[in-house]
Every structure is written in structure tokens, then in C-alpha cells.
C-alpha atoms as a PDB file:
ATOM      1  CA  MET A   1    -111.073  84.926 154.675  1.00  0.00           C
ATOM      2  CA  ARG A   2    -109.470  87.193 152.134  1.00  0.00           C
ATOM      3  CA  ARG A   3    -106.481  89.397 152.756  1.00  0.00           C
ATOM      4  CA  THR A   4    -106.911  92.832 151.150  1.00  0.00           C
ATOM      5  CA  ILE A   5    -103.761  94.687 150.142  1.00  0.00           C
ATOM      6  CA  PHE A   6    -103.566  98.224 148.786  1.00  0.00           C
ATOM      7  CA  PHE A   7    -100.613  99.353 146.679  1.00  0.00           C
ATOM      8  CA  SER A   8     -99.667 101.898 144.041  1.00  0.00           C
ATOM      9  CA  MET A   9     -99.892 100.220 140.648  1.00  0.00           C
ATOM     10  CA  VAL A  10     -96.770 100.480 138.504  1.00  0.00           C
ATOM     11  CA  CYS A  11     -98.204  98.378 135.708  1.00  0.00           C
ATOM     12  CA  ALA A  12    -101.647  98.130 134.156  1.00  0.00           C
ATOM     13  CA  VAL A  13    -103.899  95.152 134.872  1.00  0.00           C
ATOM     14  CA  ILE A  14    -106.830  93.125 133.536  1.00  0.00           C
ATOM     15  CA  PRO A  15    -110.422  94.114 132.706  1.00  0.00           C
ATOM     16  CA  ALA A  16    -113.294  92.055 134.038  1.00  0.00           C
ATOM     17  CA  ALA A  17    -114.869  91.369 130.702  1.00  0.00           C
ATOM     18  CA  SER A  18    -114.748  92.247 127.054  1.00  0.00           C
ATOM     19  CA  ALA A  19    -117.144  94.313 125.009  1.00  0.00           C
ATOM     20  CA  GLN A  20    -118.164  93.191 121.527  1.00  0.00           C
ATOM     21  CA  LEU A  21    -119.778  95.136 118.722  1.00  0.00           C
ATOM     22  CA  VAL A  22    -121.249  93.480 115.638  1.00  0.00           C
ATOM     23  CA  HIS A  23    -121.042  95.536 112.442  1.00  0.00           C
ATOM     24  CA  PRO A  24    -123.374  96.146 110.693  1.00  0.00           C
ATOM     25  CA  ASN A  25    -125.379  96.387 113.929  1.00  0.00           C
ATOM     26  CA  VAL A  26    -128.525  94.885 112.407  1.00  0.00           C
ATOM     27  CA  TYR A  27    -126.771  91.490 112.243  1.00  0.00           C
ATOM     28  CA  ALA A  28    -125.979  91.192 115.949  1.00  0.00           C
ATOM     29  CA  THR A  29    -128.626  88.450 116.270  1.00  0.00           C
ATOM     30  CA  THR A  30    -129.670  88.042 112.633  1.00  0.00           C
ATOM     31  CA  GLU A  31    -128.364  85.696 109.957  1.00  0.00           C
ATOM     32  CA  GLY A  32    -126.399  87.213 107.102  1.00  0.00           C
ATOM     33  CA  ALA A  33    -127.978  88.053 103.778  1.00  0.00           C
ATOM     34  CA  SER A  34    -125.799  85.638 101.805  1.00  0.00           C
ATOM     35  CA  ASN A  35    -122.437  83.874 101.513  1.00  0.00           C
ATOM     36  CA  ASN A  36    -119.051  85.435 100.864  1.00  0.00           C
ATOM     37  CA  ALA A  37    -115.764  83.664 100.056  1.00  0.00           C
ATOM     38  CA  TYR A  38    -113.368  86.630  99.980  1.00  0.00           C
ATOM     39  CA  PRO A  39    -110.812  87.277 101.329  1.00  0.00           C
ATOM     40  CA  PHE A  40    -110.072  84.004 103.148  1.00  0.00           C
ATOM     41  CA  ARG A  41    -110.934  81.743 100.217  1.00  0.00           C
ATOM     42  CA  TYR A  42    -109.456  83.140  97.032  1.00  0.00           C
ATOM     43  CA  SER A  43    -109.541  80.799  94.042  1.00  0.00           C
ATOM     44  CA  ALA A  44    -106.298  82.439  92.857  1.00  0.00           C
ATOM     45  CA  GLY A  45    -104.706  81.895  96.266  1.00  0.00           C
ATOM     46  CA  ALA A  46    -103.795  85.556  96.868  1.00  0.00           C
ATOM     47  CA  GLY A  47    -105.280  89.026  96.494  1.00  0.00           C
ATOM     48  CA  ARG A  48    -106.202  92.289  98.159  1.00  0.00           C
ATOM     49  CA  TYR A  49    -109.338  93.110 100.133  1.00  0.00           C
ATOM     50  CA  GLN A  50    -110.598  96.278 101.826  1.00  0.00           C
ATOM     51  CA  GLN A  51    -113.775  96.759 103.816  1.00  0.00           C
ATOM     52  CA  SER A  52    -115.149 100.050 105.112  1.00  0.00           C
ATOM     53  CA  HIS A  53    -117.352 100.431 108.193  1.00  0.00           C
ATOM     54  CA  ASP A  54    -119.858 103.164 108.983  1.00  0.00           C
ATOM     55  CA  ALA A  55    -118.607 105.080 112.058  1.00  0.00           C
ATOM     56  CA  SER A  56    -122.156 105.932 113.166  1.00  0.00           C
ATOM     57  CA  GLN A  57    -122.684 102.279 114.146  1.00  0.00           C
ATOM     58  CA  PHE A  58    -119.940 102.476 116.795  1.00  0.00           C
ATOM     59  CA  PRO A  59    -121.282 103.898 120.090  1.00  0.00           C
ATOM     60  CA  GLY A  60    -117.976 105.525 121.004  1.00  0.00           C
ATOM     61  CA  PRO A  61    -114.193 105.142 121.026  1.00  0.00           C
ATOM     62  CA  MET A  62    -112.851 101.634 121.470  1.00  0.00           C
ATOM     63  CA  LEU A  63    -109.485  99.918 121.610  1.00  0.00           C
ATOM     64  CA  ILE A  64    -109.926  97.098 119.084  1.00  0.00           C
ATOM     65  CA  THR A  65    -108.041  94.010 120.284  1.00  0.00           C
ATOM     66  CA  GLU A  66    -109.750  91.242 118.302  1.00  0.00           C
ATOM     67  CA  ILE A  67    -111.721  90.844 115.061  1.00  0.00           C
ATOM     68  CA  ALA A  68    -114.030  87.903 114.416  1.00  0.00           C
ATOM     69  CA  PHE A  69    -116.009  86.585 111.466  1.00  0.00           C
ATOM     70  CA  ARG A  70    -119.156  84.464 111.363  1.00  0.00           C
ATOM     71  CA  TYR A  71    -119.752  81.458 109.141  1.00  0.00           C
ATOM     72  CA  ARG A  72    -122.953  81.326 107.135  1.00  0.00           C
ATOM     73  CA  GLY A  73    -125.558  79.180 108.905  1.00  0.00           C
ATOM     74  CA  ASP A  74    -125.677  76.381 106.358  1.00  0.00           C
ATOM     75  CA  THR A  75    -121.907  76.139 105.899  1.00  0.00           C
ATOM     76  CA  THR A  76    -119.717  73.120 106.603  1.00  0.00           C
ATOM     77  CA  VAL A  77    -116.031  74.039 106.621  1.00  0.00           C
ATOM     78  CA  THR A  78    -112.859  72.061 107.217  1.00  0.00           C
ATOM     79  CA  ALA A  79    -110.100  73.647 109.301  1.00  0.00           C
ATOM     80  CA  GLY A  80    -107.462  75.591 107.419  1.00  0.00           C
ATOM     81  CA  SER A  81    -105.117  78.565 107.495  1.00  0.00           C
ATOM     82  CA  ALA A  82    -104.359  81.810 105.692  1.00  0.00           C
ATOM     83  CA  ASP A  83    -101.213  83.940 105.485  1.00  0.00           C
ATOM     84  CA  PHE A  84    -101.868  87.683 105.351  1.00  0.00           C
ATOM     85  CA  LYS A  85    -101.160  91.189 106.601  1.00  0.00           C
ATOM     86  CA  LEU A  86    -104.067  93.109 108.114  1.00  0.00           C
ATOM     87  CA  THR A  87    -104.013  96.887 108.515  1.00  0.00           C
ATOM     88  CA  LEU A  88    -106.604  99.033 110.269  1.00  0.00           C
ATOM     89  CA  ALA A  89    -106.957 102.717 109.397  1.00  0.00           C
ATOM     90  CA  TYR A  90    -109.453 105.515 109.025  1.00  0.00           C
ATOM     91  CA  CYS A  91    -111.168 105.747 105.647  1.00  0.00           C
ATOM     92  CA  ALA A  92    -109.899 108.542 103.433  1.00  0.00           C
ATOM     93  CA  THR A  93    -113.518 109.053 102.307  1.00  0.00           C
ATOM     94  CA  ALA A  94    -116.954 108.231 103.645  1.00  0.00           C
ATOM     95  CA  TRP A  95    -117.517 104.496 104.122  1.00  0.00           C
ATOM     96  CA  ASN A  96    -119.912 104.364 101.155  1.00  0.00           C
ATOM     97  CA  ALA A  97    -117.653 106.416  98.881  1.00  0.00           C
ATOM     98  CA  VAL A  98    -114.572 104.184  98.745  1.00  0.00           C
ATOM     99  CA  GLY A  99    -113.182 103.771  95.249  1.00  0.00           C
ATOM    100  CA  SER A 100    -111.297 101.206  93.198  1.00  0.00           C
ATOM    101  CA  SER A 101    -107.832 102.463  94.234  1.00  0.00           C
ATOM    102  CA  PHE A 102    -106.640 100.630  97.335  1.00  0.00           C
ATOM    103  CA  ALA A 103    -104.096 103.302  98.253  1.00  0.00           C
ATOM    104  CA  ALA A 104    -106.584 106.163  97.865  1.00  0.00           C
ATOM    105  CA  ASN A 105    -108.992 104.565 100.364  1.00  0.00           C
ATOM    106  CA  ILE A 106    -106.451 104.534 103.208  1.00  0.00           C
ATOM    107  CA  GLY A 107    -106.747 107.552 105.465  1.00  0.00           C
ATOM    108  CA  ALA A 108    -105.195 108.496 108.801  1.00  0.00           C
ATOM    109  CA  ASN A 109    -103.277 106.244 111.192  1.00  0.00           C
ATOM    110  CA  PRO A 110    -102.759 103.082 109.125  1.00  0.00           C
ATOM    111  CA  THR A 111    -101.580 100.429 111.589  1.00  0.00           C
ATOM    112  CA  VAL A 112    -100.477  96.859 110.873  1.00  0.00           C
ATOM    113  CA  VAL A 113    -102.376  94.923 113.536  1.00  0.00           C
ATOM    114  CA  PHE A 114    -101.607  91.391 112.330  1.00  0.00           C
ATOM    115  CA  ASP A 115     -99.012  89.937 109.980  1.00  0.00           C
ATOM    116  CA  GLY A 116     -98.591  86.175 109.736  1.00  0.00           C
ATOM    117  CA  LEU A 117    -100.318  82.819 109.539  1.00  0.00           C
ATOM    118  CA  TRP A 118    -103.841  82.537 110.942  1.00  0.00           C
ATOM    119  CA  SER A 119    -105.464  79.171 111.590  1.00  0.00           C
ATOM    120  CA  TYR A 120    -109.228  78.937 111.483  1.00  0.00           C
ATOM    121  CA  PRO A 121    -111.367  76.104 112.863  1.00  0.00           C
ATOM    122  CA  GLY A 122    -113.592  73.644 111.089  1.00  0.00           C
ATOM    123  CA  PHE A 123    -117.301  74.188 111.523  1.00  0.00           C
ATOM    124  CA  SER A 124    -120.725  72.719 110.796  1.00  0.00           C
ATOM    125  CA  GLY A 125    -123.452  75.265 111.404  1.00  0.00           C
ATOM    126  CA  ASP A 126    -127.157  75.344 112.119  1.00  0.00           C
ATOM    127  CA  PRO A 127    -129.078  77.098 109.321  1.00  0.00           C
ATOM    128  CA  ALA A 128    -131.929  77.995 111.676  1.00  0.00           C
ATOM    129  CA  THR A 129    -129.920  80.468 113.790  1.00  0.00           C
ATOM    130  CA  PRO A 130    -126.955  82.816 113.319  1.00  0.00           C
ATOM    131  CA  ASN A 131    -123.687  81.060 114.081  1.00  0.00           C
ATOM    132  CA  PRO A 132    -121.301  82.311 116.775  1.00  0.00           C
ATOM    133  CA  PHE A 133    -118.216  84.246 115.733  1.00  0.00           C
ATOM    134  CA  THR A 134    -115.848  81.273 115.834  1.00  0.00           C
ATOM    135  CA  ASN A 135    -113.223  82.756 113.473  1.00  0.00           C
ATOM    136  CA  ARG A 136    -111.415  84.954 115.974  1.00  0.00           C
ATOM    137  CA  LEU A 137    -108.273  86.892 115.101  1.00  0.00           C
ATOM    138  CA  LYS A 138    -106.398  88.337 118.079  1.00  0.00           C
ATOM    139  CA  LEU A 139    -104.548  91.471 117.009  1.00  0.00           C
ATOM    140  CA  THR A 140    -100.866  91.615 117.866  1.00  0.00           C
ATOM    141  CA  THR A 141    -101.155  95.415 117.950  1.00  0.00           C
ATOM    142  CA  PRO A 142    -104.413  96.908 119.329  1.00  0.00           C
ATOM    143  CA  PHE A 143    -105.995  99.749 117.340  1.00  0.00           C
ATOM    144  CA  ALA A 144    -107.411 102.798 119.122  1.00  0.00           C
ATOM    145  CA  TYR A 145    -110.448 103.793 117.071  1.00  0.00           C
ATOM    146  CA  ASN A 146    -112.530 106.929 117.559  1.00  0.00           C
ATOM    147  CA  PRO A 147    -115.633 107.014 115.340  1.00  0.00           C
ATOM    148  CA  ALA A 148    -115.790 110.789 115.696  1.00  0.00           C
ATOM    149  CA  ALA A 149    -112.593 110.955 113.617  1.00  0.00           C
ATOM    150  CA  GLY A 150    -113.970 109.026 110.640  1.00  0.00           C
ATOM    151  CA  ASP A 151    -115.103 105.696 109.256  1.00  0.00           C
ATOM    152  CA  LEU A 152    -113.052 102.531 109.815  1.00  0.00           C
ATOM    153  CA  LEU A 153    -111.154 100.665 107.089  1.00  0.00           C
ATOM    154  CA  ILE A 154    -109.941  97.046 107.138  1.00  0.00           C
ATOM    155  CA  ASP A 155    -107.166  96.361 104.606  1.00  0.00           C
ATOM    156  CA  ILE A 156    -106.049  92.752 103.997  1.00  0.00           C
ATOM    157  CA  GLU A 157    -103.103  91.778 101.823  1.00  0.00           C
ATOM    158  CA  MET A 158    -103.754  88.030 101.383  1.00  0.00           C
ATOM    159  CA  ARG A 159    -100.510  86.248 100.532  1.00  0.00           C
ATOM    160  CA  GLN A 160    -101.967  82.740 100.625  1.00  0.00           C
ATOM    161  CA  ALA A 161    -105.625  81.899 101.175  1.00  0.00           C
ATOM    162  CA  SER A 162    -107.521  78.675 100.763  1.00  0.00           C
ATOM    163  CA  THR A 163    -107.941  77.973  97.062  1.00  0.00           C
ATOM    164  CA  THR A 164    -111.320  76.324  97.634  1.00  0.00           C
ATOM    165  CA  SER A 165    -113.555  79.277  96.830  1.00  0.00           C
ATOM    166  CA  SER A 166    -116.705  78.246  98.670  1.00  0.00           C
ATOM    167  CA  GLY A 167    -119.152  80.867  99.911  1.00  0.00           C
ATOM    168  CA  SER A 168    -118.907  80.237 103.611  1.00  0.00           C
ATOM    169  CA  PHE A 169    -118.663  83.520 105.526  1.00  0.00           C
ATOM    170  CA  ALA A 170    -121.773  85.531 106.318  1.00  0.00           C
ATOM    171  CA  ARG A 171    -122.104  88.891 104.583  1.00  0.00           C
ATOM    172  CA  ALA A 172    -124.407  91.839 105.020  1.00  0.00           C
ATOM    173  CA  ALA A 173    -127.065  93.070 102.639  1.00  0.00           C
ATOM    174  CA  SER A 174    -126.403  96.018 100.339  1.00  0.00           C
ATOM    175  CA  ASP A 175    -125.854  99.442 101.909  1.00  0.00           C
ATOM    176  CA  THR A 176    -126.285  98.346 105.540  1.00  0.00           C
ATOM    177  CA  GLY A 177    -123.019  99.889 106.746  1.00  0.00           C
ATOM    178  CA  SER A 178    -120.078  98.393 104.865  1.00  0.00           C
ATOM    179  CA  TYR A 179    -118.505  98.444 101.395  1.00  0.00           C
ATOM    180  CA  ARG A 180    -115.732  96.274  99.980  1.00  0.00           C
ATOM    181  CA  VAL A 181    -112.983  96.669  97.398  1.00  0.00           C
ATOM    182  CA  TYR A 182    -111.375  93.426  96.258  1.00  0.00           C
ATOM    183  CA  THR A 183    -109.271  91.625  93.694  1.00  0.00           C
ATOM    184  CA  ASN A 184    -108.760  87.891  93.153  1.00  0.00           C
ATOM    185  CA  SER A 185    -105.603  88.463  91.131  1.00  0.00           C
ATOM    186  CA  GLY A 186    -103.210  85.984  92.691  1.00  0.00           C
ATOM    187  CA  SER A 187    -101.042  88.855  93.976  1.00  0.00           C
ATOM    188  CA  THR A 188    -101.063  91.375  96.833  1.00  0.00           C
ATOM    189  CA  THR A 189     -99.558  94.094  94.651  1.00  0.00           C
ATOM    190  CA  SER A 190    -102.669  94.954  92.641  1.00  0.00           C
ATOM    191  CA  THR A 191    -103.367  98.687  92.855  1.00  0.00           C
ATOM    192  CA  THR A 192    -107.078  98.594  92.030  1.00  0.00           C
ATOM    193  CA  GLY A 193    -110.054  96.339  92.642  1.00  0.00           C
ATOM    194  CA  SER A 194    -113.788  95.952  92.172  1.00  0.00           C
ATOM    195  CA  VAL A 195    -116.091  97.953  94.451  1.00  0.00           C
ATOM    196  CA  GLY A 196    -119.197  96.458  96.053  1.00  0.00           C
ATOM    197  CA  ASN A 197    -121.818  97.824  98.445  1.00  0.00           C
ATOM    198  CA  ILE A 198    -121.683  94.737 100.696  1.00  0.00           C
ATOM    199  CA  GLY A 199    -119.219  93.343 103.224  1.00  0.00           C
ATOM    200  CA  LEU A 200    -118.523  90.604 105.738  1.00  0.00           C
ATOM    201  CA  ILE A 201    -120.317  90.694 109.086  1.00  0.00           C
ATOM    202  CA  VAL A 202    -117.613  91.510 111.627  1.00  0.00           C
ATOM    203  CA  GLU A 203    -117.443  91.420 115.413  1.00  0.00           C
ATOM    204  CA  PHE A 204    -115.008  93.885 117.012  1.00  0.00           C
ATOM    205  CA  THR A 205    -113.779  93.182 120.546  1.00  0.00           C
ATOM    206  CA  GLU A 206    -112.574  95.866 122.932  1.00  0.00           C
ATOM    207  CA  GLY A 207    -110.459  95.482 126.050  1.00  0.00           C
ATOM    208  CA  SER A 208    -110.803  91.735 126.101  1.00  0.00           C
ATOM    209  CA  ILE A 209    -109.670  89.547 128.921  1.00  0.00           C
ATOM    210  CA  THR A 210    -108.080  86.431 127.523  1.00  0.00           C
ATOM    211  CA  THR A 211    -107.514  83.314 129.552  1.00  0.00           C
ATOM    212  CA  TYR A 212    -104.761  81.285 127.973  1.00  0.00           C
ATOM    213  CA  GLY A 213    -102.949  78.127 128.984  1.00  0.00           C
ATOM    214  CA  SER A 214    -103.684  76.099 132.103  1.00  0.00           C
ATOM    215  CA  GLY A 215    -102.529  76.255 135.683  1.00  0.00           C
ATOM    216  CA  CYS A 216    -101.311  73.243 137.680  1.00  0.00           C
ATOM    217  CA  ALA A 217    -102.998  71.980 140.821  1.00  0.00           C
ATOM    218  CA  GLY A 218    -101.880  72.164 144.422  1.00  0.00           C
ATOM    219  CA  SER A 219    -103.385  70.960 147.688  1.00  0.00           C
ATOM    220  CA  GLY A 220    -106.760  69.274 147.376  1.00  0.00           C
ATOM    221  CA  GLY A 221    -106.267  68.948 143.620  1.00  0.00           C
ATOM    222  CA  LEU A 222    -107.376  72.581 143.190  1.00  0.00           C
ATOM    223  CA  THR A 223    -105.839  74.946 140.635  1.00  0.00           C
ATOM    224  CA  PRO A 224    -105.395  78.648 141.511  1.00  0.00           C
ATOM    225  CA  GLU A 225    -107.561  80.989 139.447  1.00  0.00           C
ATOM    226  CA  LEU A 226    -106.433  84.514 138.590  1.00  0.00           C
ATOM    227  CA  LEU A 227    -109.302  87.001 138.102  1.00  0.00           C
ATOM    228  CA  MET A 228    -109.877  90.706 137.543  1.00  0.00           C
ATOM    229  CA  SER A 229    -112.709  93.217 137.854  1.00  0.00           C
ATOM    230  CA  GLY A 230    -112.906  96.898 137.000  1.00  0.00           C
ATOM    231  CA  ASN A 231    -112.347  99.246 134.074  1.00  0.00           C
ATOM    232  CA  PRO A 232    -109.078  98.861 132.113  1.00  0.00           C
ATOM    233  CA  GLY A 233    -108.957 102.546 131.179  1.00  0.00           C
ATOM    234  CA  LEU A 234    -106.108 104.833 132.139  1.00  0.00           C
ATOM    235  CA  GLY A 235    -106.679 106.353 135.594  1.00  0.00           C
ATOM    236  CA  GLN A 236    -109.383 103.801 136.414  1.00  0.00           C
ATOM    237  CA  GLN A 237    -109.558 101.379 139.350  1.00  0.00           C
ATOM    238  CA  VAL A 238    -109.209  97.642 138.891  1.00  0.00           C
ATOM    239  CA  ILE A 239    -109.063  94.728 141.327  1.00  0.00           C
ATOM    240  CA  LEU A 240    -106.744  91.777 140.799  1.00  0.00           C
ATOM    241  CA  SER A 241    -107.639  88.644 142.773  1.00  0.00           C
ATOM    242  CA  LEU A 242    -106.440  85.091 143.224  1.00  0.00           C
ATOM    243  CA  ASP A 243    -108.571  82.191 144.461  1.00  0.00           C
ATOM    244  CA  GLN A 244    -108.179  78.460 145.165  1.00  0.00           C
ATOM    245  CA  GLY A 245    -104.600  78.611 146.440  1.00  0.00           C
ATOM    246  CA  LEU A 246    -103.233  77.087 149.642  1.00  0.00           C
ATOM    247  CA  GLY A 247    -104.407  79.222 152.557  1.00  0.00           C
ATOM    248  CA  GLY A 248    -101.657  81.208 154.311  1.00  0.00           C
ATOM    249  CA  ALA A 249     -99.056  80.384 151.646  1.00  0.00           C
ATOM    250  CA  PRO A 250     -96.762  82.932 149.990  1.00  0.00           C
ATOM    251  CA  SER A 251     -97.428  83.703 146.335  1.00  0.00           C
ATOM    252  CA  VAL A 252     -95.842  85.664 143.504  1.00  0.00           C
ATOM    253  CA  THR A 253     -97.768  87.171 140.593  1.00  0.00           C
ATOM    254  CA  MET A 254     -95.656  87.746 137.525  1.00  0.00           C
ATOM    255  CA  ILE A 255     -96.488  90.601 135.152  1.00  0.00           C
ATOM    256  CA  GLY A 256     -94.787  90.721 131.762  1.00  0.00           C
ATOM    257  CA  GLY A 257     -94.961  92.083 128.266  1.00  0.00           C
ATOM    258  CA  ALA A 258     -95.305  88.855 126.318  1.00  0.00           C
ATOM    259  CA  GLU A 259     -97.125  85.521 126.342  1.00  0.00           C
ATOM    260  CA  THR A 260     -95.181  82.251 126.281  1.00  0.00           C
ATOM    261  CA  SER A 261     -95.702  78.551 126.918  1.00  0.00           C
ATOM    262  CA  VAL A 262     -92.669  76.859 128.453  1.00  0.00           C
ATOM    263  CA  PRO A 263     -93.012  73.508 130.293  1.00  0.00           C
ATOM    264  CA  ILE A 264     -91.365  73.711 133.734  1.00  0.00           C
ATOM    265  CA  GLY A 265     -92.025  70.155 134.878  1.00  0.00           C
ATOM    266  CA  GLY A 266     -94.724  68.469 136.896  1.00  0.00           C
ATOM    267  CA  GLY A 267     -97.365  69.335 134.328  1.00  0.00           C
ATOM    268  CA  CYS A 268     -96.838  73.071 134.958  1.00  0.00           C
ATOM    269  CA  THR A 269     -96.246  75.719 132.290  1.00  0.00           C
ATOM    270  CA  LEU A 270     -94.689  79.177 132.446  1.00  0.00           C
ATOM    271  CA  LEU A 271     -97.118  81.497 130.647  1.00  0.00           C
ATOM    272  CA  VAL A 272     -95.524  84.970 131.055  1.00  0.00           C
ATOM    273  CA  GLN A 273     -92.246  86.003 129.431  1.00  0.00           C
ATOM    274  CA  PRO A 274     -90.299  88.018 130.314  1.00  0.00           C
ATOM    275  CA  PRO A 275     -91.359  89.112 133.816  1.00  0.00           C
ATOM    276  CA  VAL A 276     -90.900  92.841 134.299  1.00  0.00           C
ATOM    277  CA  LEU A 277     -92.648  93.019 137.652  1.00  0.00           C
ATOM    278  CA  GLN A 278     -93.231  90.515 140.456  1.00  0.00           C
ATOM    279  CA  LEU A 279     -95.812  90.999 143.212  1.00  0.00           C
ATOM    280  CA  PHE A 280     -95.042  88.980 146.368  1.00  0.00           C
ATOM    281  CA  ILE A 281     -98.312  88.538 148.250  1.00  0.00           C
ATOM    282  CA  PRO A 282     -99.142  86.209 151.187  1.00  0.00           C
ATOM    283  CA  LEU A 283    -102.517  84.517 150.790  1.00  0.00           C
ATOM    284  CA  GLY A 284    -105.268  84.829 153.335  1.00  0.00           C
ATOM    285  CA  GLY A 285    -107.378  81.902 154.491  1.00  0.00           C
ATOM    286  CA  ALA A 286    -106.335  78.495 155.751  1.00  0.00           C
ATOM    287  CA  GLY A 287    -106.265  75.055 154.160  1.00  0.00           C
ATOM    288  CA  ALA A 288    -106.433  73.583 150.678  1.00  0.00           C
ATOM    289  CA  GLY A 289    -108.171  75.810 148.131  1.00  0.00           C
ATOM    290  CA  ASN A 290    -109.004  78.523 150.666  1.00  0.00           C
ATOM    291  CA  GLY A 291    -106.063  80.821 149.966  1.00  0.00           C
ATOM    292  CA  SER A 292    -106.780  84.073 148.173  1.00  0.00           C
ATOM    293  CA  TYR A 293    -105.893  87.713 147.835  1.00  0.00           C
ATOM    294  CA  THR A 294    -107.682  90.844 146.634  1.00  0.00           C
ATOM    295  CA  LEU A 295    -105.487  93.628 145.273  1.00  0.00           C
ATOM    296  CA  PRO A 296    -107.051  96.987 144.297  1.00  0.00           C
ATOM    297  CA  GLY A 297    -105.077  99.524 142.293  1.00  0.00           C
ATOM    298  CA  ILE A 298    -105.206 102.387 139.802  1.00  0.00           C
ATOM    299  CA  ILE A 299    -103.932 102.105 136.229  1.00  0.00           C
ATOM    300  CA  PRO A 300    -101.449 104.999 135.954  1.00  0.00           C
ATOM    301  CA  LEU A 301    -102.204 107.687 133.398  1.00  0.00           C
ATOM    302  CA  SER A 302     -98.642 107.281 132.124  1.00  0.00           C
ATOM    303  CA  SER A 303     -99.115 103.591 131.237  1.00  0.00           C
ATOM    304  CA  PRO A 304     -98.519 102.770 127.568  1.00  0.00           C
ATOM    305  CA  VAL A 305    -101.344 101.132 125.643  1.00  0.00           C
ATOM    306  CA  GLY A 306    -100.883  97.538 124.604  1.00  0.00           C
ATOM    307  CA  PRO A 307    -101.007  94.004 125.993  1.00  0.00           C
ATOM    308  CA  VAL A 308     -99.859  92.992 129.497  1.00  0.00           C
ATOM    309  CA  PHE A 309     -99.707  89.386 130.741  1.00  0.00           C
ATOM    310  CA  PHE A 310    -100.154  87.838 134.209  1.00  0.00           C
ATOM    311  CA  GLN A 311     -99.639  84.503 135.980  1.00  0.00           C
ATOM    312  CA  ALA A 312     -99.579  83.586 139.689  1.00  0.00           C
ATOM    313  CA  PHE A 313     -97.438  81.012 141.516  1.00  0.00           C
ATOM    314  CA  VAL A 314     -98.363  79.717 144.995  1.00  0.00           C
ATOM    315  CA  ALA A 315     -95.948  77.856 147.315  1.00  0.00           C
ATOM    316  CA  ASP A 316     -97.563  74.492 148.055  1.00  0.00           C
ATOM    317  CA  PRO A 317     -95.732  71.411 149.407  1.00  0.00           C
ATOM    318  CA  ALA A 318     -98.478  69.129 148.066  1.00  0.00           C
ATOM    319  CA  ALA A 319     -97.832  70.255 144.459  1.00  0.00           C
ATOM    320  CA  VAL A 320     -95.422  68.241 142.316  1.00  0.00           C
ATOM    321  CA  ASN A 321     -92.922  71.105 141.997  1.00  0.00           C
ATOM    322  CA  GLY A 322     -93.574  72.539 145.446  1.00  0.00           C
ATOM    323  CA  PHE A 323     -95.781  75.216 143.945  1.00  0.00           C
ATOM    324  CA  SER A 324     -99.067  75.484 142.041  1.00  0.00           C
ATOM    325  CA  THR A 325     -99.713  77.896 139.182  1.00  0.00           C
ATOM    326  CA  SER A 326    -102.673  79.833 137.808  1.00  0.00           C
ATOM    327  CA  ASN A 327    -103.965  80.341 134.296  1.00  0.00           C
ATOM    328  CA  GLY A 328    -102.501  83.186 132.269  1.00  0.00           C
ATOM    329  CA  LEU A 329    -104.365  86.455 131.682  1.00  0.00           C
ATOM    330  CA  ARG A 330    -103.931  89.101 128.993  1.00  0.00           C
ATOM    331  CA  VAL A 331    -105.188  92.694 129.039  1.00  0.00           C
ATOM    332  CA  ASP A 332    -104.901  95.401 126.420  1.00  0.00           C
ATOM    333  CA  ILE A 333    -104.597  98.773 128.131  1.00  0.00           C
ATOM    334  CA  GLN A 334    -106.890 101.365 126.604  1.00  0.00           C
END
């Protein structure tokens, strides 16, 4: 039996699911027109790359929290890494009118959403079907995009890419919704590049729930699972819930502003750092794996946008440390 607890939320919480949009839309379930090496495989090792996106192919405003790229179906790729800065902004012009000047293409609200080393996985695809978007880049700063305000621009300053320039990423056909401006100069300081009426096929993720790390088991060998349902928008209702804990046991759910991974013994890992809020909640139910709670709340209109992180701890004498832990969860408030 679940215990239901109502409270006034003082921190935002997790969405039930994420929404993805493939751009250009025509490639949501269709293989790309051809291969494309830039910008993650520059033969010169460094360069600059911009890609514009037609706003009309976005159904409405979205808080972009992740960007993903698809390998070409017949590609075999070894794992690697790239060091770059990625900025999202509005286009200064229409998406299909970007010019050779990198600076002149950048419009309103340029925001650095990632700056560092990105590792991408190896892959061997199936040429008969479009590949999944396995190259996923989680943004350290979400970008609030409103297509009514203009077309979207991706700007990548590639400090060090793979120098094996093999055409591996899927790109769109000409004039299907994206343009690119690029230079394979060996430097990020180039002011101009070549303009093309094609671009990479990109998947944008909004309001994603991310499960990271692993919990540690308690009674019955069961590991608590932290879940969420609802709409992560400001002023909207969400429901935080915990399952598979020890029935009747006390629990604490930690809510913080950063993700971490710190071993705390017994095979358990602290996944939230630092905690800014702790919710002490007794679990309903009785017996191993039957403990749970359901916690409805409203995301305050005053909440700042950005990521929030969660992890639950359940007192359990059968666990190695005297407590079991849940997985970690991340939400980006929109």
C-alpha cells in the first residue's frame, strides 16, 4: 500500500519522459542522403562549423537539453573523442540565407551550452535501416528556444577533432531545412568559411529525464527505484515516487544542483552533490521491496530554469551500510 503525502514544493522535480525532435523532420525514420565528416572528423584536427535550422520544423518552444547525431547506416566507427565549444543562438538571418562570415550569422541570445571533451562511442550500423542517435551530447546549460523568434543556429569551435576524415555521420539532402558554414583550417579563429545547403541530421531533446548511476540493494536483494510523472513546466503538477524500498522504513530524498559519483562503501554511490534540500518521508507498505511513497507537488513559478538532481536513501538493516539507495535522476526545469 502506498502512502500519499502532499506538500508545497520548494524545488522543481523530474519529468516523466523526454520529447525528441529530428531535424530536418523528413529524416525522423528515413536514412540520410549521404555521409558527412565535419565537424567531428576534421583532417586538419581543428576548425569552425555552423549549422542553421528552419524554425518552421519545430512545433513550438522547447528547452533543449541534449543534442544527438546519427551515424550513416553503412558506417563502422571506432570510439573516440573531440574537444570543442558549442554555442546555440538564433540565426541573424533566415536559415537558408546564412553567409560565409561566422560572426555575422550569430543572432540573439548566443549561449555556450557545452565546452569541453566529448567522448563518442564506437558503432557498426545496419545499412538497411536508419541508425539510432547514439552520439548524444548532454548540454551543461539548457537552451530555451522559441521558433517564433527565429531560426536556430548551432556554432561549434572544434579545438581538436579526430584527424581520420571518414564520412560517417548522416546528413540531409539539399535544402531540406538546414545549411552549414564550415572551415577545415586547423584553427578555431577563422572568420569565414564555405557555405553549403546541407547539414547533419540532428535530434533535439527537451526536458529529458536522465537516469544515471546505480542504486544499491536492500532487503530481498531489491534496489529502490526513483520515478517521476507529470509536466516539468513552471506552475505544473508533477508526482515524485519511490518503489522497491523496505516497507515502513524511513527514507530521505536528496535534491541538489549537481551530479556526482562518490563511493560511500558497500557498493553504494552518492549521486547528488551538494544537497540543498532533503525530504524525510516514511515509506508505506510492509516487507522487503514493498515500501514506497507517492509525492505530488507543483513546480513554483519562481523556480530558475536548469538542471536539478535527485537520489533516495532508505533505512534498511539488511543492506550492507544499513541503508539502500536509488538511482540518480536529472531534470531540466523549463
